[in-house]
Amino acid sequence: MKKRFLLLYAVTAMLLLSACNAYKNVPYFQDLDKSKQTTEDIKNFSALTIQNSDILGITVSSLNPKAYSDSSARVSGYLVDQNGEIRLPLIGKIPAAGLTTGVLADQIQTQLKTYLREPAVTVRMLNFKVSVMGDVLKPDVYKIQSERVTVTEALTMAGDLNITAKRKNILLIREVDGKREFIPIDITSAKLFTSPYYYLKNNDVLYVQPDKTKYASVDGGYRTVSLVLSALSIVAIVLSNSLR
């Protein structure tokens, strides 16, 4: 009876220890002091810049609006070609790639003053989107209405990470100027907020890798059974040696 009690106690303790260790990897921003209010300056935000193949929505108003009309572009937008340019009525080709939407709007407005009375120009990016895939509740391609979205916002739109997701090495895939970057992100650390990759860019992809328990849950609880059998084997060896 005593041996059975010791065996049961040892197995229970090992399983509880395993559960505690697994939980340590679950909370976000673990190195942030959540017991008090803290403040930090935002220094890592930079406005989106226009890239080749982006689609821009451009709205022009003035005191003589009939002088400027492009009804087709109101629906489909203006495509930035492979030379980084767009073509506008009255102006013709104008460089766009590498500029922010605000800077481009100012440049268009300046050039339109030759043709229009007090023109006002707004530029929006119509194809801004990010993809979230992997071990999240709702993997999908998400269209962004504004020009500002963060890693945490994108993961929230995707329904947050599943409990089986790896939080320390989320992969950000980004294409800039003909190059593809693969950037690991640790969402368990508050350093994420000051990372240069906290604010996402157009066409960014976030891949959330599942841990081994994801496979185990699909595989009929294989991992749980394996852990129990391993624990029993270890306890049996220890008890056998101690009772000699």
C-alpha atoms as a PDB file:
ATOM      1  CA  MET A   1       0.000   0.000   0.000  1.00  0.00           C
ATOM      2  CA  LYS A   2       2.826   2.374   0.865  1.00  0.00           C
ATOM      3  CA  LYS A   3       4.525   1.690  -2.475  1.00  0.00           C
ATOM      4  CA  ARG A   4       1.289   2.452  -4.357  1.00  0.00           C
ATOM      5  CA  PHE A   5       0.854   5.705  -2.488  1.00  0.00           C
ATOM      6  CA  LEU A   6       4.422   6.765  -3.217  1.00  0.00           C
ATOM      7  CA  LEU A   7       3.992   5.885  -6.875  1.00  0.00           C
ATOM      8  CA  LEU A   8       0.741   7.842  -7.163  1.00  0.00           C
ATOM      9  CA  TYR A   9       2.252  10.832  -5.368  1.00  0.00           C
ATOM     10  CA  ALA A  10       5.318  10.863  -7.609  1.00  0.00           C
ATOM     11  CA  VAL A  11       3.316  10.632 -10.837  1.00  0.00           C
ATOM     12  CA  THR A  12       0.942  13.411  -9.723  1.00  0.00           C
ATOM     13  CA  ALA A  13       3.821  15.674  -8.777  1.00  0.00           C
ATOM     14  CA  MET A  14       5.521  15.154 -12.128  1.00  0.00           C
ATOM     15  CA  LEU A  15       2.354  15.901 -14.066  1.00  0.00           C
ATOM     16  CA  LEU A  16       1.699  19.068 -12.038  1.00  0.00           C
ATOM     17  CA  LEU A  17       5.292  20.215 -12.558  1.00  0.00           C
ATOM     18  CA  SER A  18       4.963  19.637 -16.296  1.00  0.00           C
ATOM     19  CA  ALA A  19       1.746  21.695 -16.389  1.00  0.00           C
ATOM     20  CA  CYS A  20       3.355  24.564 -14.453  1.00  0.00           C
ATOM     21  CA  ASN A  21       6.343  24.656 -16.786  1.00  0.00           C
ATOM     22  CA  ALA A  22       4.044  24.709 -19.819  1.00  0.00           C
ATOM     23  CA  TYR A  23       2.025  27.612 -18.389  1.00  0.00           C
ATOM     24  CA  LYS A  24       5.144  29.757 -18.049  1.00  0.00           C
ATOM     25  CA  ASN A  25       5.243  30.030 -21.836  1.00  0.00           C
ATOM     26  CA  VAL A  26       1.621  31.166 -22.202  1.00  0.00           C
ATOM     27  CA  PRO A  27       1.320  34.760 -20.795  1.00  0.00           C
ATOM     28  CA  TYR A  28       2.217  37.719 -23.021  1.00  0.00           C
ATOM     29  CA  PHE A  29       4.671  40.504 -22.090  1.00  0.00           C
ATOM     30  CA  GLN A  30       6.064  38.635 -19.094  1.00  0.00           C
ATOM     31  CA  ASP A  31       8.849  41.129 -18.421  1.00  0.00           C
ATOM     32  CA  LEU A  32       6.399  44.029 -18.132  1.00  0.00           C
ATOM     33  CA  ASP A  33       5.593  45.162 -14.578  1.00  0.00           C
ATOM     34  CA  LYS A  34       1.789  44.905 -14.595  1.00  0.00           C
ATOM     35  CA  SER A  35       1.440  45.930 -10.950  1.00  0.00           C
ATOM     36  CA  LYS A  36       1.836  49.638 -11.717  1.00  0.00           C
ATOM     37  CA  GLN A  37       1.214  52.147 -14.475  1.00  0.00           C
ATOM     38  CA  THR A  38       4.188  52.743 -16.751  1.00  0.00           C
ATOM     39  CA  THR A  39       4.728  55.094 -19.692  1.00  0.00           C
ATOM     40  CA  GLU A  40       7.195  55.077 -22.559  1.00  0.00           C
ATOM     41  CA  ASP A  41       7.735  57.229 -25.641  1.00  0.00           C
ATOM     42  CA  ILE A  42       6.780  55.780 -29.041  1.00  0.00           C
ATOM     43  CA  LYS A  43       9.909  55.998 -31.157  1.00  0.00           C
ATOM     44  CA  ASN A  44       9.542  53.038 -33.520  1.00  0.00           C
ATOM     45  CA  PHE A  45       6.560  54.140 -35.649  1.00  0.00           C
ATOM     46  CA  SER A  46       7.204  55.190 -39.217  1.00  0.00           C
ATOM     47  CA  ALA A  47       4.603  56.041 -41.835  1.00  0.00           C
ATOM     48  CA  LEU A  48       3.968  53.528 -44.598  1.00  0.00           C
ATOM     49  CA  THR A  49       5.796  54.135 -47.836  1.00  0.00           C
ATOM     50  CA  ILE A  50       4.335  53.363 -51.233  1.00  0.00           C
ATOM     51  CA  GLN A  51       5.746  50.366 -53.100  1.00  0.00           C
ATOM     52  CA  ASN A  52       5.500  49.100 -56.665  1.00  0.00           C
ATOM     53  CA  SER A  53       2.158  47.342 -57.365  1.00  0.00           C
ATOM     54  CA  ASP A  54       0.349  49.282 -54.634  1.00  0.00           C
ATOM     55  CA  ILE A  55      -3.103  50.601 -55.499  1.00  0.00           C
ATOM     56  CA  LEU A  56      -3.807  54.177 -54.462  1.00  0.00           C
ATOM     57  CA  GLY A  57      -7.102  55.936 -53.972  1.00  0.00           C
ATOM     58  CA  ILE A  58      -6.674  59.593 -54.911  1.00  0.00           C
ATOM     59  CA  THR A  59      -9.389  62.177 -54.337  1.00  0.00           C
ATOM     60  CA  VAL A  60      -9.158  65.686 -55.790  1.00  0.00           C
ATOM     61  CA  SER A  61     -11.460  68.595 -55.012  1.00  0.00           C
ATOM     62  CA  SER A  62     -11.231  72.241 -56.083  1.00  0.00           C
ATOM     63  CA  LEU A  63     -13.251  75.360 -56.873  1.00  0.00           C
ATOM     64  CA  ASN A  64     -13.510  74.196 -60.509  1.00  0.00           C
ATOM     65  CA  PRO A  65     -13.997  70.425 -60.097  1.00  0.00           C
ATOM     66  CA  LYS A  66     -15.134  69.850 -63.716  1.00  0.00           C
ATOM     67  CA  ALA A  67     -11.593  70.535 -64.827  1.00  0.00           C
ATOM     68  CA  TYR A  68     -10.464  67.285 -63.206  1.00  0.00           C
ATOM     69  CA  SER A  69     -12.341  64.040 -63.775  1.00  0.00           C
ATOM     70  CA  ASP A  70     -11.305  60.399 -63.697  1.00  0.00           C
ATOM     71  CA  SER A  71     -14.357  58.286 -62.853  1.00  0.00           C
ATOM     72  CA  SER A  72     -12.664  54.939 -63.540  1.00  0.00           C
ATOM     73  CA  ALA A  73      -9.954  55.588 -60.968  1.00  0.00           C
ATOM     74  CA  ARG A  74     -12.542  56.305 -58.275  1.00  0.00           C
ATOM     75  CA  VAL A  75     -13.535  52.629 -58.492  1.00  0.00           C
ATOM     76  CA  SER A  76     -10.282  50.789 -59.158  1.00  0.00           C
ATOM     77  CA  GLY A  77      -7.647  53.233 -57.903  1.00  0.00           C
ATOM     78  CA  TYR A  78      -4.273  54.062 -59.400  1.00  0.00           C
ATOM     79  CA  LEU A  79      -1.744  51.260 -59.816  1.00  0.00           C
ATOM     80  CA  VAL A  80       1.881  52.042 -59.015  1.00  0.00           C
ATOM     81  CA  ASP A  81       3.752  50.552 -61.980  1.00  0.00           C
ATOM     82  CA  GLN A  82       7.095  48.738 -61.939  1.00  0.00           C
ATOM     83  CA  ASN A  83       8.849  52.058 -62.431  1.00  0.00           C
ATOM     84  CA  GLY A  84       7.262  53.318 -59.204  1.00  0.00           C
ATOM     85  CA  GLU A  85       5.015  55.802 -61.024  1.00  0.00           C
ATOM     86  CA  ILE A  86       1.310  56.531 -61.416  1.00  0.00           C
ATOM     87  CA  ARG A  87      -0.436  58.353 -64.240  1.00  0.00           C
ATOM     88  CA  LEU A  88      -2.888  61.128 -63.394  1.00  0.00           C
ATOM     89  CA  PRO A  89      -5.148  63.364 -65.520  1.00  0.00           C
ATOM     90  CA  LEU A  90      -3.582  66.745 -66.360  1.00  0.00           C
ATOM     91  CA  ILE A  91      -0.290  65.880 -64.660  1.00  0.00           C
ATOM     92  CA  GLY A  92       0.641  62.648 -66.434  1.00  0.00           C
ATOM     93  CA  LYS A  93       3.254  60.391 -64.809  1.00  0.00           C
ATOM     94  CA  ILE A  94       4.393  61.187 -61.284  1.00  0.00           C
ATOM     95  CA  PRO A  95       6.805  59.193 -59.044  1.00  0.00           C
ATOM     96  CA  ALA A  96       5.081  57.528 -56.091  1.00  0.00           C
ATOM     97  CA  ALA A  97       7.184  54.610 -54.830  1.00  0.00           C
ATOM     98  CA  GLY A  98       9.153  55.361 -51.693  1.00  0.00           C
ATOM     99  CA  LEU A  99       6.889  58.245 -50.677  1.00  0.00           C
ATOM    100  CA  THR A 100       4.305  58.336 -47.923  1.00  0.00           C
ATOM    101  CA  THR A 101       0.706  58.987 -48.956  1.00  0.00           C
ATOM    102  CA  GLY A 102       0.900  62.404 -47.294  1.00  0.00           C
ATOM    103  CA  VAL A 103       3.991  63.466 -49.227  1.00  0.00           C
ATOM    104  CA  LEU A 104       2.529  62.230 -52.499  1.00  0.00           C
ATOM    105  CA  ALA A 105      -0.705  64.140 -51.833  1.00  0.00           C
ATOM    106  CA  ASP A 106       1.296  67.350 -51.287  1.00  0.00           C
ATOM    107  CA  GLN A 107       3.238  66.844 -54.519  1.00  0.00           C
ATOM    108  CA  ILE A 108       0.080  66.182 -56.556  1.00  0.00           C
ATOM    109  CA  GLN A 109      -1.617  69.196 -55.014  1.00  0.00           C
ATOM    110  CA  THR A 110       1.334  71.435 -55.907  1.00  0.00           C
ATOM    111  CA  GLN A 111       1.325  70.302 -59.544  1.00  0.00           C
ATOM    112  CA  LEU A 112      -2.461  70.657 -59.864  1.00  0.00           C
ATOM    113  CA  LYS A 113      -2.337  74.324 -58.866  1.00  0.00           C
ATOM    114  CA  THR A 114      -1.385  75.033 -62.480  1.00  0.00           C
ATOM    115  CA  TYR A 115      -4.749  73.664 -63.637  1.00  0.00           C
ATOM    116  CA  LEU A 116      -7.154  73.960 -60.691  1.00  0.00           C
ATOM    117  CA  ARG A 117      -8.221  76.667 -58.277  1.00  0.00           C
ATOM    118  CA  GLU A 118      -7.225  75.779 -54.697  1.00  0.00           C
ATOM    119  CA  PRO A 119      -6.981  72.011 -55.207  1.00  0.00           C
ATOM    120  CA  ALA A 120      -7.191  69.674 -52.217  1.00  0.00           C
ATOM    121  CA  VAL A 121      -5.807  66.153 -52.543  1.00  0.00           C
ATOM    122  CA  THR A 122      -6.057  63.059 -50.359  1.00  0.00           C
ATOM    123  CA  VAL A 123      -4.248  59.792 -51.028  1.00  0.00           C
ATOM    124  CA  ARG A 124      -5.091  56.437 -49.455  1.00  0.00           C
ATOM    125  CA  MET A 125      -3.612  52.987 -49.901  1.00  0.00           C
ATOM    126  CA  LEU A 126      -6.433  50.731 -51.097  1.00  0.00           C
ATOM    127  CA  ASN A 127      -4.658  47.375 -51.016  1.00  0.00           C
ATOM    128  CA  PHE A 128      -3.161  47.505 -47.511  1.00  0.00           C
ATOM    129  CA  LYS A 129      -3.455  44.008 -46.097  1.00  0.00           C
ATOM    130  CA  VAL A 130      -1.700  41.609 -43.734  1.00  0.00           C
ATOM    131  CA  SER A 131      -1.945  37.827 -43.555  1.00  0.00           C
ATOM    132  CA  VAL A 132      -2.076  35.810 -40.337  1.00  0.00           C
ATOM    133  CA  MET A 133      -1.635  32.070 -40.656  1.00  0.00           C
ATOM    134  CA  GLY A 134      -0.844  29.097 -38.466  1.00  0.00           C
ATOM    135  CA  ASP A 135      -2.040  28.353 -34.947  1.00  0.00           C
ATOM    136  CA  VAL A 136      -4.597  31.152 -34.483  1.00  0.00           C
ATOM    137  CA  LEU A 137      -8.364  31.016 -34.182  1.00  0.00           C
ATOM    138  CA  LYS A 138      -9.138  32.707 -37.534  1.00  0.00           C
ATOM    139  CA  PRO A 139      -6.246  32.572 -40.024  1.00  0.00           C
ATOM    140  CA  ASP A 140      -6.997  34.873 -42.941  1.00  0.00           C
ATOM    141  CA  VAL A 141      -5.902  37.784 -45.108  1.00  0.00           C
ATOM    142  CA  TYR A 142      -7.055  40.985 -43.395  1.00  0.00           C
ATOM    143  CA  LYS A 143      -7.643  44.226 -45.258  1.00  0.00           C
ATOM    144  CA  ILE A 144      -6.644  47.272 -43.233  1.00  0.00           C
ATOM    145  CA  GLN A 145      -8.680  50.459 -43.544  1.00  0.00           C
ATOM    146  CA  SER A 146      -6.093  52.738 -41.945  1.00  0.00           C
ATOM    147  CA  GLU A 147      -2.346  52.936 -42.556  1.00  0.00           C
ATOM    148  CA  ARG A 148      -1.419  51.793 -39.076  1.00  0.00           C
ATOM    149  CA  VAL A 149      -1.633  48.249 -37.743  1.00  0.00           C
ATOM    150  CA  THR A 150       0.504  46.479 -35.163  1.00  0.00           C
ATOM    151  CA  VAL A 151       1.495  42.869 -34.536  1.00  0.00           C
ATOM    152  CA  THR A 152      -0.843  42.689 -31.547  1.00  0.00           C
ATOM    153  CA  GLU A 153      -3.747  44.154 -33.526  1.00  0.00           C
ATOM    154  CA  ALA A 154      -3.261  41.689 -36.381  1.00  0.00           C
ATOM    155  CA  LEU A 155      -3.164  38.730 -33.991  1.00  0.00           C
ATOM    156  CA  THR A 156      -6.287  40.034 -32.271  1.00  0.00           C
ATOM    157  CA  MET A 157      -8.102  40.292 -35.609  1.00  0.00           C
ATOM    158  CA  ALA A 158      -7.177  36.648 -36.161  1.00  0.00           C
ATOM    159  CA  GLY A 159      -8.882  35.701 -32.893  1.00  0.00           C
ATOM    160  CA  ASP A 160      -5.641  35.535 -30.870  1.00  0.00           C
ATOM    161  CA  LEU A 161      -3.196  32.647 -30.560  1.00  0.00           C
ATOM    162  CA  ASN A 162      -4.458  29.205 -29.638  1.00  0.00           C
ATOM    163  CA  ILE A 163      -3.180  27.783 -26.361  1.00  0.00           C
ATOM    164  CA  THR A 164      -0.977  25.395 -28.354  1.00  0.00           C
ATOM    165  CA  ALA A 165       0.780  28.197 -30.277  1.00  0.00           C
ATOM    166  CA  LYS A 166       4.455  29.005 -29.823  1.00  0.00           C
ATOM    167  CA  ARG A 167       4.684  32.560 -28.528  1.00  0.00           C
ATOM    168  CA  LYS A 168       8.429  33.091 -28.543  1.00  0.00           C
ATOM    169  CA  ASN A 169       9.143  32.663 -32.241  1.00  0.00           C
ATOM    170  CA  ILE A 170       6.257  34.021 -34.299  1.00  0.00           C
ATOM    171  CA  LEU A 171       7.602  34.553 -37.808  1.00  0.00           C
ATOM    172  CA  LEU A 172       7.131  37.854 -39.636  1.00  0.00           C
ATOM    173  CA  ILE A 173       7.651  37.592 -43.402  1.00  0.00           C
ATOM    174  CA  ARG A 174       8.170  40.942 -45.128  1.00  0.00           C
ATOM    175  CA  GLU A 175       8.989  41.938 -48.713  1.00  0.00           C
ATOM    176  CA  VAL A 176      10.723  45.274 -49.249  1.00  0.00           C
ATOM    177  CA  ASP A 177      12.539  46.522 -52.356  1.00  0.00           C
ATOM    178  CA  GLY A 178      12.719  43.106 -53.992  1.00  0.00           C
ATOM    179  CA  LYS A 179      13.981  41.320 -50.879  1.00  0.00           C
ATOM    180  CA  ARG A 180      12.191  38.960 -48.501  1.00  0.00           C
ATOM    181  CA  GLU A 181      12.968  39.111 -44.787  1.00  0.00           C
ATOM    182  CA  PHE A 182      12.163  36.476 -42.151  1.00  0.00           C
ATOM    183  CA  ILE A 183      11.989  38.048 -38.684  1.00  0.00           C
ATOM    184  CA  PRO A 184      11.352  36.134 -35.417  1.00  0.00           C
ATOM    185  CA  ILE A 185       9.068  37.866 -32.919  1.00  0.00           C
ATOM    186  CA  ASP A 186       8.707  37.037 -29.213  1.00  0.00           C
ATOM    187  CA  ILE A 187       5.272  38.061 -27.964  1.00  0.00           C
ATOM    188  CA  THR A 188       6.052  36.979 -24.388  1.00  0.00           C
ATOM    189  CA  SER A 189       8.370  39.981 -24.029  1.00  0.00           C
ATOM    190  CA  ALA A 190       7.351  43.622 -23.657  1.00  0.00           C
ATOM    191  CA  LYS A 191      10.325  44.500 -25.872  1.00  0.00           C
ATOM    192  CA  LEU A 192       7.929  43.816 -28.746  1.00  0.00           C
ATOM    193  CA  PHE A 193       6.430  47.295 -28.251  1.00  0.00           C
ATOM    194  CA  THR A 194       9.737  49.000 -29.026  1.00  0.00           C
ATOM    195  CA  SER A 195      10.703  46.645 -31.847  1.00  0.00           C
ATOM    196  CA  PRO A 196      11.102  48.174 -35.334  1.00  0.00           C
ATOM    197  CA  TYR A 197       8.784  45.390 -36.510  1.00  0.00           C
ATOM    198  CA  TYR A 198       5.908  46.111 -34.112  1.00  0.00           C
ATOM    199  CA  TYR A 199       4.161  48.206 -36.767  1.00  0.00           C
ATOM    200  CA  LEU A 200       3.297  46.106 -39.786  1.00  0.00           C
ATOM    201  CA  LYS A 201       3.740  47.025 -43.437  1.00  0.00           C
ATOM    202  CA  ASN A 202       1.635  46.269 -46.486  1.00  0.00           C
ATOM    203  CA  ASN A 203       1.580  42.562 -47.465  1.00  0.00           C
ATOM    204  CA  ASP A 204       3.266  41.421 -44.231  1.00  0.00           C
ATOM    205  CA  VAL A 205       2.673  37.799 -43.228  1.00  0.00           C
ATOM    206  CA  LEU A 206       2.593  36.545 -39.623  1.00  0.00           C
ATOM    207  CA  TYR A 207       3.080  32.807 -39.180  1.00  0.00           C
ATOM    208  CA  VAL A 208       2.265  31.335 -35.770  1.00  0.00           C
ATOM    209  CA  GLN A 209       3.873  27.946 -35.284  1.00  0.00           C
ATOM    210  CA  PRO A 210       2.048  25.319 -33.191  1.00  0.00           C
ATOM    211  CA  ASP A 211       3.916  23.377 -30.543  1.00  0.00           C
ATOM    212  CA  LYS A 212       3.993  19.594 -30.336  1.00  0.00           C
ATOM    213  CA  THR A 213       0.801  19.432 -28.287  1.00  0.00           C
ATOM    214  CA  LYS A 214      -1.130  20.584 -31.363  1.00  0.00           C
ATOM    215  CA  TYR A 215      -0.081  17.438 -33.173  1.00  0.00           C
ATOM    216  CA  ALA A 216      -0.715  15.382 -30.068  1.00  0.00           C
ATOM    217  CA  SER A 217      -4.300  16.616 -29.762  1.00  0.00           C
ATOM    218  CA  VAL A 218      -4.973  15.574 -33.338  1.00  0.00           C
ATOM    219  CA  ASP A 219      -3.147  12.294 -32.820  1.00  0.00           C
ATOM    220  CA  GLY A 220      -5.554  11.039 -30.174  1.00  0.00           C
ATOM    221  CA  GLY A 221      -3.804  12.202 -27.032  1.00  0.00           C
ATOM    222  CA  TYR A 222      -0.546  10.454 -27.881  1.00  0.00           C
ATOM    223  CA  ARG A 223       1.550  13.049 -26.078  1.00  0.00           C
ATOM    224  CA  THR A 224      -0.383  12.773 -22.823  1.00  0.00           C
ATOM    225  CA  VAL A 225      -0.128   9.003 -22.824  1.00  0.00           C
ATOM    226  CA  SER A 226       3.577   9.208 -23.611  1.00  0.00           C
ATOM    227  CA  LEU A 227       4.176  11.619 -20.735  1.00  0.00           C
ATOM    228  CA  VAL A 228       2.326   9.391 -18.290  1.00  0.00           C
ATOM    229  CA  LEU A 229       4.169   6.271 -19.440  1.00  0.00           C
ATOM    230  CA  SER A 230       7.508   8.088 -19.272  1.00  0.00           C
ATOM    231  CA  ALA A 231       6.699   9.350 -15.772  1.00  0.00           C
ATOM    232  CA  LEU A 232       5.676   5.886 -14.639  1.00  0.00           C
ATOM    233  CA  SER A 233       8.872   4.395 -16.031  1.00  0.00           C
ATOM    234  CA  ILE A 234      11.039   6.945 -14.251  1.00  0.00           C
ATOM    235  CA  VAL A 235       9.177   6.508 -10.968  1.00  0.00           C
ATOM    236  CA  ALA A 236       9.367   2.729 -11.250  1.00  0.00           C
ATOM    237  CA  ILE A 237      13.146   2.907 -11.725  1.00  0.00           C
ATOM    238  CA  VAL A 238      13.565   5.284  -8.789  1.00  0.00           C
ATOM    239  CA  LEU A 239      11.407   3.184  -6.482  1.00  0.00           C
ATOM    240  CA  SER A 240      13.099  -0.009  -7.557  1.00  0.00           C
ATOM    241  CA  ASN A 241      16.509   1.406  -6.737  1.00  0.00           C
ATOM    242  CA  SER A 242      15.393   2.898  -3.419  1.00  0.00           C
ATOM    243  CA  LEU A 243      13.733  -0.292  -2.178  1.00  0.00           C
ATOM    244  CA  ARG A 244      16.667  -2.616  -2.788  1.00  0.00           C
END
